[in-house]
Amino acid sequence: MKEVKKTVAAKSEEVKATAEKKTETAVKAAETEVKKVAAETKKVAAETKKAATETKKAAAKTTKKAADTAAKATKKAADSAAKATKKAAATVKKAAAKKTVKKAAAVKETVSLQYLGKDIKTADLMEQVKNIWTGELGKDAADLKAINLYLKPEDNAAYYVINESFSGRIDF
């Protein structure tokens, strides 16, 4: 039985390490893409400022009608650049989110505690904690940031800490 526990623990650690490496790789790729888009955004902003300055100089030299036309063109260019920047940023965020989700979803982990003829699954316990957060406490699921779960078979219970501020106990 001890060998099985050691094998399960080793395999669990190996799966966790693999998942962490894949997650880190996805995060680094997303950060690189965000940096590229930020650089492009800065470049477009500089070009927009330069174009605006040049347009203002030309408008001062021409008649009032030409100035009005140039101002409208500058505003349209700025609006277009702003829209393009927002769209590019949104695309990068979506791509980063998709990559992260796809990498994280690739590994399925299941942890069960078998003790005194009982089979307790940590996923079930986590679900109970989430239900306590949303149901009994009446909090938003979006406000749930962290759950720490501690299994204590000798007490026939699991202890939890939510968002490092609220704690409780669930009996097996």
Protein backbone atom coordinates (compact mmCIF):
# COMPACT_ATOMS: atom_id res chain seq x y z
CA MET A 1 0.00 0.00 0.00
CA LYS A 2 2.92 2.34 0.78
CA GLU A 3 4.41 1.70 -2.65
CA VAL A 4 1.12 2.58 -4.28
CA LYS A 5 0.95 5.81 -2.28
CA LYS A 6 4.52 6.67 -3.26
CA THR A 7 3.80 5.90 -6.92
CA VAL A 8 0.61 7.97 -6.83
CA ALA A 9 2.41 10.84 -5.13
CA ALA A 10 5.29 10.73 -7.61
CA LYS A 11 2.91 10.58 -10.56
CA SER A 12 0.88 13.45 -9.11
CA GLU A 13 4.01 15.58 -8.73
CA GLU A 14 5.07 14.71 -12.27
CA VAL A 15 1.67 15.71 -13.67
CA LYS A 16 1.73 18.95 -11.65
CA ALA A 17 5.22 19.80 -12.92
CA THR A 18 4.20 19.14 -16.52
CA ALA A 19 1.07 21.28 -16.14
CA GLU A 20 3.07 24.09 -14.56
CA LYS A 21 5.65 24.01 -17.38
CA LYS A 22 2.96 24.11 -20.04
CA THR A 23 1.16 26.94 -18.26
CA GLU A 24 4.40 28.92 -17.93
CA THR A 25 5.12 28.44 -21.64
CA ALA A 26 1.64 29.67 -22.57
CA VAL A 27 1.96 32.67 -20.26
CA LYS A 28 5.35 33.60 -21.72
CA ALA A 29 3.97 33.37 -25.26
CA ALA A 30 1.02 35.56 -24.32
CA GLU A 31 3.31 38.10 -22.68
CA THR A 32 5.47 38.21 -25.81
CA GLU A 33 2.41 38.86 -27.97
CA VAL A 34 1.22 41.58 -25.59
CA LYS A 35 4.65 43.25 -25.77
CA LYS A 36 4.57 43.15 -29.58
CA VAL A 37 1.12 44.72 -29.68
CA ALA A 38 2.18 47.36 -27.16
CA ALA A 39 5.17 48.26 -29.33
CA GLU A 40 2.96 48.46 -32.41
CA THR A 41 0.50 50.60 -30.47
CA LYS A 42 3.25 53.00 -29.45
CA LYS A 43 4.45 53.19 -33.05
CA VAL A 44 0.93 53.93 -34.33
CA ALA A 45 0.46 56.56 -31.61
CA ALA A 46 3.73 58.26 -32.60
CA GLU A 47 2.74 58.21 -36.27
CA THR A 48 -0.67 59.60 -35.38
CA LYS A 49 0.90 62.42 -33.38
CA LYS A 50 3.29 63.16 -36.23
CA ALA A 51 0.43 63.18 -38.74
CA ALA A 52 -1.60 65.44 -36.47
CA THR A 53 1.29 67.90 -36.17
CA GLU A 54 1.83 67.98 -39.92
CA THR A 55 -1.89 68.43 -40.51
CA LYS A 56 -2.00 71.38 -38.11
CA LYS A 57 0.90 73.08 -39.91
CA ALA A 58 -0.77 72.64 -43.30
CA ALA A 59 -4.08 73.90 -41.94
CA ALA A 60 -2.48 77.10 -40.65
CA LYS A 61 -1.11 77.89 -44.15
CA THR A 62 -4.34 77.30 -46.03
CA THR A 63 -7.75 78.91 -45.93
CA LYS A 64 -10.29 78.25 -43.19
CA LYS A 65 -12.11 75.75 -45.38
CA ALA A 66 -8.93 73.75 -45.92
CA ALA A 67 -8.27 73.85 -42.17
CA ASP A 68 -11.72 72.43 -41.43
CA THR A 69 -11.18 69.62 -43.93
CA ALA A 70 -7.76 68.78 -42.50
CA ALA A 71 -9.08 68.75 -38.93
CA LYS A 72 -11.82 66.32 -39.93
CA ALA A 73 -9.27 64.08 -41.65
CA THR A 74 -7.00 64.15 -38.57
CA LYS A 75 -9.86 63.25 -36.29
CA LYS A 76 -10.87 60.36 -38.55
CA ALA A 77 -7.27 59.12 -38.67
CA ALA A 78 -6.99 59.32 -34.89
CA ASP A 79 -10.31 57.52 -34.43
CA SER A 80 -9.27 54.83 -36.91
CA ALA A 81 -5.92 54.39 -35.18
CA ALA A 82 -7.62 54.18 -31.78
CA LYS A 83 -10.08 51.61 -33.07
CA ALA A 84 -7.27 49.58 -34.64
CA THR A 85 -5.29 49.72 -31.41
CA LYS A 86 -8.28 48.60 -29.32
CA LYS A 87 -9.06 45.82 -31.76
CA ALA A 88 -5.45 44.60 -31.77
CA ALA A 89 -5.32 44.66 -27.97
CA ALA A 90 -8.61 42.76 -27.72
CA THR A 91 -7.35 40.19 -30.22
CA VAL A 92 -4.16 39.65 -28.23
CA LYS A 93 -6.11 39.29 -24.98
CA LYS A 94 -8.44 36.76 -26.56
CA ALA A 95 -5.55 34.82 -28.08
CA ALA A 96 -3.69 34.79 -24.77
CA ALA A 97 -6.79 33.66 -22.91
CA LYS A 98 -7.50 30.91 -25.44
CA LYS A 99 -3.92 29.64 -25.33
CA THR A 100 -3.86 29.61 -21.54
CA VAL A 101 -7.20 27.85 -21.32
CA LYS A 102 -6.26 25.27 -23.93
CA LYS A 103 -2.99 24.45 -22.19
CA ALA A 104 -4.58 24.24 -18.74
CA ALA A 105 -7.46 22.09 -19.99
CA ALA A 106 -5.09 19.51 -21.47
CA VAL A 107 -4.29 17.95 -18.07
CA LYS A 108 -7.06 16.32 -16.09
CA GLU A 109 -6.23 15.66 -12.47
CA THR A 110 -8.20 13.54 -10.03
CA VAL A 111 -7.26 13.13 -6.40
CA SER A 112 -9.07 10.70 -4.12
CA LEU A 113 -8.52 9.88 -0.47
CA GLN A 114 -9.39 6.34 0.49
CA TYR A 115 -9.68 6.02 4.23
CA LEU A 116 -11.55 3.51 6.41
CA GLY A 117 -13.60 2.26 3.49
CA LYS A 118 -14.49 5.75 2.26
CA ASP A 119 -13.54 7.21 -1.10
CA ILE A 120 -13.36 11.00 -0.84
CA LYS A 121 -12.71 12.98 -4.03
CA THR A 122 -11.13 16.40 -3.67
CA ALA A 123 -13.14 17.68 -6.63
CA ASP A 124 -16.35 16.98 -4.69
CA LEU A 125 -14.97 18.76 -1.64
CA MET A 126 -13.94 21.77 -3.76
CA GLU A 127 -17.45 21.91 -5.21
CA GLN A 128 -18.92 21.90 -1.70
CA VAL A 129 -16.64 24.79 -0.70
CA LYS A 130 -17.71 26.76 -3.80
CA ASN A 131 -21.36 26.10 -2.92
CA ILE A 132 -20.73 27.37 0.61
CA TRP A 133 -19.19 30.55 -0.85
CA THR A 134 -22.06 31.27 -3.24
CA GLY A 135 -24.96 29.70 -1.34
CA GLU A 136 -24.50 30.03 2.41
CA LEU A 137 -22.34 33.14 2.33
CA GLY A 138 -24.17 34.73 -0.62
CA LYS A 139 -20.96 35.85 -2.34
CA ASP A 140 -20.30 36.16 -6.07
CA ALA A 141 -18.46 33.28 -7.74
CA ALA A 142 -16.29 35.91 -9.47
CA ASP A 143 -15.04 37.06 -6.05
CA LEU A 144 -13.66 33.58 -5.31
CA LYS A 145 -9.90 33.87 -5.87
CA ALA A 146 -8.29 31.03 -3.86
CA ILE A 147 -9.33 27.88 -2.02
CA ASN A 148 -6.93 25.99 0.24
CA LEU A 149 -8.21 22.55 1.19
CA TYR A 150 -6.70 20.46 4.01
CA LEU A 151 -7.75 16.82 4.37
CA LYS A 152 -7.57 15.42 7.88
CA PRO A 153 -8.77 11.79 7.89
CA GLU A 154 -8.28 11.34 11.66
CA ASP A 155 -10.90 14.10 12.20
CA ASN A 156 -13.05 12.64 9.42
CA ALA A 157 -13.13 16.15 7.92
CA ALA A 158 -11.66 18.56 5.42
CA TYR A 159 -10.75 22.10 6.44
CA TYR A 160 -10.82 24.96 3.95
CA VAL A 161 -9.66 28.56 3.70
CA ILE A 162 -11.28 30.83 1.09
CA ASN A 163 -9.43 33.92 -0.16
CA GLU A 164 -7.17 33.72 2.90
CA SER A 165 -9.95 35.27 5.00
CA PHE A 166 -12.76 32.76 5.59
CA SER A 167 -12.34 29.24 6.92
CA GLY A 168 -14.52 26.30 7.81
CA ARG A 169 -14.90 22.54 8.03
CA ILE A 170 -16.62 19.91 5.88
CA ASP A 171 -17.28 16.45 7.33
CA PHE A 172 -16.59 13.48 5.06
